[in-house]
Amino acid sequence: MCEASAFIVNGDKEELFLERVDKLIPTEEGLLLENIFGQRKVIKAKIKRLELVDHRILLERED
């Protein structure tokens, strides 16, 4: 399996945003994440770090 879990990083805390993400698409509204079940979420954030071996996407909210 190649999908990852996306987390929002706030200081030293991480909050799960979406599991089993297989698409991350930059749009004018923000980042569009879609998982293997077809669930979609958009967030105004930037990618802080990708941990591909651990299947993790770490995001920071943008104001």
PDB file of N, CA and C in Angstrom:
ATOM      1  N   MET A   1       0.839  -1.181   0.000  1.00  0.00           N
ATOM      2  CA  MET A   1       0.000   0.000   0.000  1.00  0.00           C
ATOM      3  C   MET A   1       0.886   1.247   0.000  1.00  0.00           C
ATOM      4  N   CYS A   2       0.505   2.205  -0.807  1.00  0.00           N
ATOM      5  CA  CYS A   2       1.315   3.407  -0.963  1.00  0.00           C
ATOM      6  C   CYS A   2       0.666   4.646  -0.364  1.00  0.00           C
ATOM      7  N   GLU A   3      -0.537   4.518   0.162  1.00  0.00           N
ATOM      8  CA  GLU A   3      -1.208   5.699   0.696  1.00  0.00           C
ATOM      9  C   GLU A   3      -0.592   6.102   2.034  1.00  0.00           C
ATOM     10  N   ALA A   4      -0.907   7.337   2.450  1.00  0.00           N
ATOM     11  CA  ALA A   4      -0.334   7.909   3.666  1.00  0.00           C
ATOM     12  C   ALA A   4      -1.429   8.556   4.503  1.00  0.00           C
ATOM     13  N   SER A   5      -1.100   8.836   5.737  1.00  0.00           N
ATOM     14  CA  SER A   5      -1.988   9.612   6.607  1.00  0.00           C
ATOM     15  C   SER A   5      -1.488  11.045   6.636  1.00  0.00           C
ATOM     16  N   ALA A   6      -2.416  12.001   6.564  1.00  0.00           N
ATOM     17  CA  ALA A   6      -2.067  13.423   6.603  1.00  0.00           C
ATOM     18  C   ALA A   6      -2.371  13.974   7.992  1.00  0.00           C
ATOM     19  N   PHE A   7      -1.411  14.701   8.535  1.00  0.00           N
ATOM     20  CA  PHE A   7      -1.529  15.292   9.861  1.00  0.00           C
ATOM     21  C   PHE A   7      -1.320  16.796   9.785  1.00  0.00           C
ATOM     22  N   ILE A   8      -2.038  17.541  10.620  1.00  0.00           N
ATOM     23  CA  ILE A   8      -1.811  18.971  10.782  1.00  0.00           C
ATOM     24  C   ILE A   8      -0.897  19.136  11.989  1.00  0.00           C
ATOM     25  N   VAL A   9       0.221  19.831  11.780  1.00  0.00           N
ATOM     26  CA  VAL A   9       1.193  20.049  12.846  1.00  0.00           C
ATOM     27  C   VAL A   9       0.922  21.407  13.475  1.00  0.00           C
ATOM     28  N   ASN A  10       0.808  21.414  14.796  1.00  0.00           N
ATOM     29  CA  ASN A  10       0.607  22.648  15.559  1.00  0.00           C
ATOM     30  C   ASN A  10       1.560  22.591  16.743  1.00  0.00           C
ATOM     31  N   GLY A  11       2.697  23.273  16.596  1.00  0.00           N
ATOM     32  CA  GLY A  11       3.721  23.198  17.639  1.00  0.00           C
ATOM     33  C   GLY A  11       4.314  21.804  17.665  1.00  0.00           C
ATOM     34  N   ASP A  12       4.224  21.163  18.813  1.00  0.00           N
ATOM     35  CA  ASP A  12       4.742  19.794  18.920  1.00  0.00           C
ATOM     36  C   ASP A  12       3.626  18.751  18.861  1.00  0.00           C
ATOM     37  N   LYS A  13       2.413  19.193  18.520  1.00  0.00           N
ATOM     38  CA  LYS A  13       1.269  18.278  18.432  1.00  0.00           C
ATOM     39  C   LYS A  13       0.913  18.017  16.976  1.00  0.00           C
ATOM     40  N   GLU A  14       0.394  16.817  16.719  1.00  0.00           N
ATOM     41  CA  GLU A  14      -0.075  16.443  15.391  1.00  0.00           C
ATOM     42  C   GLU A  14      -1.517  15.976  15.494  1.00  0.00           C
ATOM     43  N   GLU A  15      -2.356  16.493  14.593  1.00  0.00           N
ATOM     44  CA  GLU A  15      -3.771  16.125  14.559  1.00  0.00           C
ATOM     45  C   GLU A  15      -4.054  15.429  13.225  1.00  0.00           C
ATOM     46  N   LEU A  16      -4.636  14.249  13.288  1.00  0.00           N
ATOM     47  CA  LEU A  16      -4.953  13.516  12.065  1.00  0.00           C
ATOM     48  C   LEU A  16      -5.971  14.305  11.241  1.00  0.00           C
ATOM     49  N   PHE A  17      -5.666  14.500   9.958  1.00  0.00           N
ATOM     50  CA  PHE A  17      -6.550  15.233   9.064  1.00  0.00           C
ATOM     51  C   PHE A  17      -7.293  14.280   8.123  1.00  0.00           C
ATOM     52  N   LEU A  18      -6.573  13.326   7.537  1.00  0.00           N
ATOM     53  CA  LEU A  18      -7.198  12.379   6.619  1.00  0.00           C
ATOM     54  C   LEU A  18      -6.310  11.145   6.492  1.00  0.00           C
ATOM     55  N   GLU A  19      -6.934   9.973   6.569  1.00  0.00           N
ATOM     56  CA  GLU A  19      -6.210   8.712   6.441  1.00  0.00           C
ATOM     57  C   GLU A  19      -6.288   8.189   5.016  1.00  0.00           C
ATOM     58  N   ARG A  20      -5.324   7.342   4.675  1.00  0.00           N
ATOM     59  CA  ARG A  20      -5.280   6.623   3.398  1.00  0.00           C
ATOM     60  C   ARG A  20      -5.309   7.562   2.188  1.00  0.00           C
ATOM     61  N   VAL A  21      -4.540   8.653   2.297  1.00  0.00           N
ATOM     62  CA  VAL A  21      -4.438   9.641   1.214  1.00  0.00           C
ATOM     63  C   VAL A  21      -3.622   9.044   0.068  1.00  0.00           C
ATOM     64  N   ASP A  22      -4.164   9.148  -1.135  1.00  0.00           N
ATOM     65  CA  ASP A  22      -3.398   8.709  -2.300  1.00  0.00           C
ATOM     66  C   ASP A  22      -3.204   9.821  -3.326  1.00  0.00           C
ATOM     67  N   LYS A  23      -3.894  10.964  -3.134  1.00  0.00           N
ATOM     68  CA  LYS A  23      -3.699  12.125  -4.011  1.00  0.00           C
ATOM     69  C   LYS A  23      -3.604  13.389  -3.177  1.00  0.00           C
ATOM     70  N   LEU A  24      -2.631  14.229  -3.525  1.00  0.00           N
ATOM     71  CA  LEU A  24      -2.483  15.551  -2.924  1.00  0.00           C
ATOM     72  C   LEU A  24      -2.272  16.515  -4.085  1.00  0.00           C
ATOM     73  N   ILE A  25      -3.235  17.416  -4.280  1.00  0.00           N
ATOM     74  CA  ILE A  25      -3.239  18.299  -5.450  1.00  0.00           C
ATOM     75  C   ILE A  25      -3.299  19.753  -4.987  1.00  0.00           C
ATOM     76  N   PRO A  26      -2.311  20.583  -5.376  1.00  0.00           N
ATOM     77  CA  PRO A  26      -2.393  22.013  -5.050  1.00  0.00           C
ATOM     78  C   PRO A  26      -3.463  22.679  -5.920  1.00  0.00           C
ATOM     79  N   THR A  27      -4.320  23.490  -5.286  1.00  0.00           N
ATOM     80  CA  THR A  27      -5.356  24.233  -6.003  1.00  0.00           C
ATOM     81  C   THR A  27      -5.315  25.677  -5.536  1.00  0.00           C
ATOM     82  N   GLU A  28      -6.116  26.534  -6.156  1.00  0.00           N
ATOM     83  CA  GLU A  28      -6.190  27.933  -5.725  1.00  0.00           C
ATOM     84  C   GLU A  28      -6.793  28.050  -4.336  1.00  0.00           C
ATOM     85  N   GLU A  29      -7.649  27.112  -3.953  1.00  0.00           N
ATOM     86  CA  GLU A  29      -8.304  27.142  -2.640  1.00  0.00           C
ATOM     87  C   GLU A  29      -7.417  26.568  -1.540  1.00  0.00           C
ATOM     88  N   GLY A  30      -6.381  25.840  -1.897  1.00  0.00           N
ATOM     89  CA  GLY A  30      -5.498  25.198  -0.925  1.00  0.00           C
ATOM     90  C   GLY A  30      -5.078  23.832  -1.436  1.00  0.00           C
ATOM     91  N   LEU A  31      -4.711  22.956  -0.525  1.00  0.00           N
ATOM     92  CA  LEU A  31      -4.329  21.604  -0.896  1.00  0.00           C
ATOM     93  C   LEU A  31      -5.563  20.705  -0.883  1.00  0.00           C
ATOM     94  N   LEU A  32      -5.765  19.995  -1.966  1.00  0.00           N
ATOM     95  CA  LEU A  32      -6.856  19.026  -2.051  1.00  0.00           C
ATOM     96  C   LEU A  32      -6.262  17.649  -1.794  1.00  0.00           C
ATOM     97  N   LEU A  33      -6.781  16.976  -0.778  1.00  0.00           N
ATOM     98  CA  LEU A  33      -6.353  15.624  -0.466  1.00  0.00           C
ATOM     99  C   LEU A  33      -7.503  14.678  -0.737  1.00  0.00           C
ATOM    100  N   GLU A  34      -7.214  13.566  -1.373  1.00  0.00           N
ATOM    101  CA  GLU A  34      -8.232  12.560  -1.656  1.00  0.00           C
ATOM    102  C   GLU A  34      -7.695  11.202  -1.216  1.00  0.00           C
ATOM    103  N   ASN A  35      -8.561  10.423  -0.556  1.00  0.00           N
ATOM    104  CA  ASN A  35      -8.106   9.107  -0.105  1.00  0.00           C
ATOM    105  C   ASN A  35      -8.634   8.004  -1.009  1.00  0.00           C
ATOM    106  N   ILE A  36      -8.280   6.769  -0.689  1.00  0.00           N
ATOM    107  CA  ILE A  36      -8.636   5.639  -1.548  1.00  0.00           C
ATOM    108  C   ILE A  36     -10.130   5.349  -1.555  1.00  0.00           C
ATOM    109  N   PHE A  37     -10.872   5.940  -0.625  1.00  0.00           N
ATOM    110  CA  PHE A  37     -12.319   5.758  -0.566  1.00  0.00           C
ATOM    111  C   PHE A  37     -13.077   6.860  -1.302  1.00  0.00           C
ATOM    112  N   GLY A  38     -12.343   7.809  -1.914  1.00  0.00           N
ATOM    113  CA  GLY A  38     -12.968   8.898  -2.642  1.00  0.00           C
ATOM    114  C   GLY A  38     -13.311  10.097  -1.773  1.00  0.00           C
ATOM    115  N   GLN A  39     -12.987  10.031  -0.485  1.00  0.00           N
ATOM    116  CA  GLN A  39     -13.238  11.175   0.403  1.00  0.00           C
ATOM    117  C   GLN A  39     -12.241  12.274   0.061  1.00  0.00           C
ATOM    118  N   ARG A  40     -12.743  13.522  -0.037  1.00  0.00           N
ATOM    119  CA  ARG A  40     -11.897  14.670  -0.385  1.00  0.00           C
ATOM    120  C   ARG A  40     -11.985  15.731   0.695  1.00  0.00           C
ATOM    121  N   LYS A  41     -10.845  16.363   0.967  1.00  0.00           N
ATOM    122  CA  LYS A  41     -10.798  17.497   1.888  1.00  0.00           C
ATOM    123  C   LYS A  41      -9.838  18.533   1.328  1.00  0.00           C
ATOM    124  N   VAL A  42     -10.187  19.799   1.541  1.00  0.00           N
ATOM    125  CA  VAL A  42      -9.328  20.911   1.122  1.00  0.00           C
ATOM    126  C   VAL A  42      -8.888  21.649   2.369  1.00  0.00           C
ATOM    127  N   ILE A  43      -7.616  22.027   2.403  1.00  0.00           N
ATOM    128  CA  ILE A  43      -7.075  22.758   3.542  1.00  0.00           C
ATOM    129  C   ILE A  43      -6.109  23.811   3.030  1.00  0.00           C
ATOM    130  N   LYS A  44      -6.179  24.999   3.637  1.00  0.00           N
ATOM    131  CA  LYS A  44      -5.194  26.041   3.336  1.00  0.00           C
ATOM    132  C   LYS A  44      -3.981  25.736   4.206  1.00  0.00           C
ATOM    133  N   ALA A  45      -2.990  25.114   3.589  1.00  0.00           N
ATOM    134  CA  ALA A  45      -1.810  24.669   4.330  1.00  0.00           C
ATOM    135  C   ALA A  45      -0.639  24.528   3.373  1.00  0.00           C
ATOM    136  N   LYS A  46       0.530  24.392   3.955  1.00  0.00           N
ATOM    137  CA  LYS A  46       1.716  24.062   3.177  1.00  0.00           C
ATOM    138  C   LYS A  46       2.261  22.738   3.702  1.00  0.00           C
ATOM    139  N   ILE A  47       2.987  22.071   2.860  1.00  0.00           N
ATOM    140  CA  ILE A  47       3.598  20.807   3.266  1.00  0.00           C
ATOM    141  C   ILE A  47       4.818  21.125   4.113  1.00  0.00           C
ATOM    142  N   LYS A  48       4.816  20.629   5.325  1.00  0.00           N
ATOM    143  CA  LYS A  48       5.962  20.814   6.214  1.00  0.00           C
ATOM    144  C   LYS A  48       7.003  19.731   5.943  1.00  0.00           C
ATOM    145  N   ARG A  49       6.510  18.490   5.811  1.00  0.00           N
ATOM    146  CA  ARG A  49       7.439  17.387   5.602  1.00  0.00           C
ATOM    147  C   ARG A  49       6.676  16.167   5.077  1.00  0.00           C
ATOM    148  N   LEU A  50       7.309  15.407   4.213  1.00  0.00           N
ATOM    149  CA  LEU A  50       6.790  14.123   3.767  1.00  0.00           C
ATOM    150  C   LEU A  50       7.687  13.037   4.341  1.00  0.00           C
ATOM    151  N   GLU A  51       7.088  12.069   4.995  1.00  0.00           N
ATOM    152  CA  GLU A  51       7.831  10.925   5.523  1.00  0.00           C
ATOM    153  C   GLU A  51       7.319   9.693   4.771  1.00  0.00           C
ATOM    154  N   LEU A  52       7.901   9.464   3.602  1.00  0.00           N
ATOM    155  CA  LEU A  52       7.365   8.465   2.687  1.00  0.00           C
ATOM    156  C   LEU A  52       7.490   7.044   3.217  1.00  0.00           C
ATOM    157  N   VAL A  53       8.590   6.707   3.859  1.00  0.00           N
ATOM    158  CA  VAL A  53       8.753   5.361   4.408  1.00  0.00           C
ATOM    159  C   VAL A  53       7.726   5.096   5.500  1.00  0.00           C
ATOM    160  N   ASP A  54       7.414   6.138   6.284  1.00  0.00           N
ATOM    161  CA  ASP A  54       6.442   6.018   7.375  1.00  0.00           C
ATOM    162  C   ASP A  54       5.017   6.329   6.923  1.00  0.00           C
ATOM    163  N   HIS A  55       4.830   6.670   5.640  1.00  0.00           N
ATOM    164  CA  HIS A  55       3.503   6.954   5.064  1.00  0.00           C
ATOM    165  C   HIS A  55       2.811   8.112   5.789  1.00  0.00           C
ATOM    166  N   ARG A  56       3.544   9.219   5.968  1.00  0.00           N
ATOM    167  CA  ARG A  56       3.010  10.377   6.694  1.00  0.00           C
ATOM    168  C   ARG A  56       3.205  11.643   5.880  1.00  0.00           C
ATOM    169  N   ILE A  57       2.174  12.491   5.884  1.00  0.00           N
ATOM    170  CA  ILE A  57       2.214  13.822   5.267  1.00  0.00           C
ATOM    171  C   ILE A  57       1.984  14.806   6.408  1.00  0.00           C
ATOM    172  N   LEU A  58       2.931  15.691   6.639  1.00  0.00           N
ATOM    173  CA  LEU A  58       2.800  16.672   7.708  1.00  0.00           C
ATOM    174  C   LEU A  58       2.538  18.045   7.093  1.00  0.00           C
ATOM    175  N   LEU A  59       1.444  18.669   7.534  1.00  0.00           N
ATOM    176  CA  LEU A  59       0.977  19.942   6.991  1.00  0.00           C
ATOM    177  C   LEU A  59       0.995  21.021   8.052  1.00  0.00           C
ATOM    178  N   GLU A  60       1.224  22.268   7.638  1.00  0.00           N
ATOM    179  CA  GLU A  60       1.094  23.439   8.501  1.00  0.00           C
ATOM    180  C   GLU A  60       0.028  24.340   7.926  1.00  0.00           C
ATOM    181  N   ARG A  61      -0.951  24.715   8.739  1.00  0.00           N
ATOM    182  CA  ARG A  61      -2.018  25.610   8.272  1.00  0.00           C
ATOM    183  C   ARG A  61      -1.440  26.969   7.877  1.00  0.00           C
ATOM    184  N   GLU A  62      -2.037  27.550   6.836  1.00  0.00           N
ATOM    185  CA  GLU A  62      -1.696  28.912   6.430  1.00  0.00           C
ATOM    186  C   GLU A  62      -2.864  29.812   6.771  1.00  0.00           C
ATOM    187  N   ASP A  63      -2.570  31.026   7.163  1.00  0.00           N
ATOM    188  CA  ASP A  63      -3.630  31.986   7.514  1.00  0.00           C
ATOM    189  C   ASP A  63      -4.209  32.653   6.291  1.00  0.00           C
TER     190      ASP A  63
END
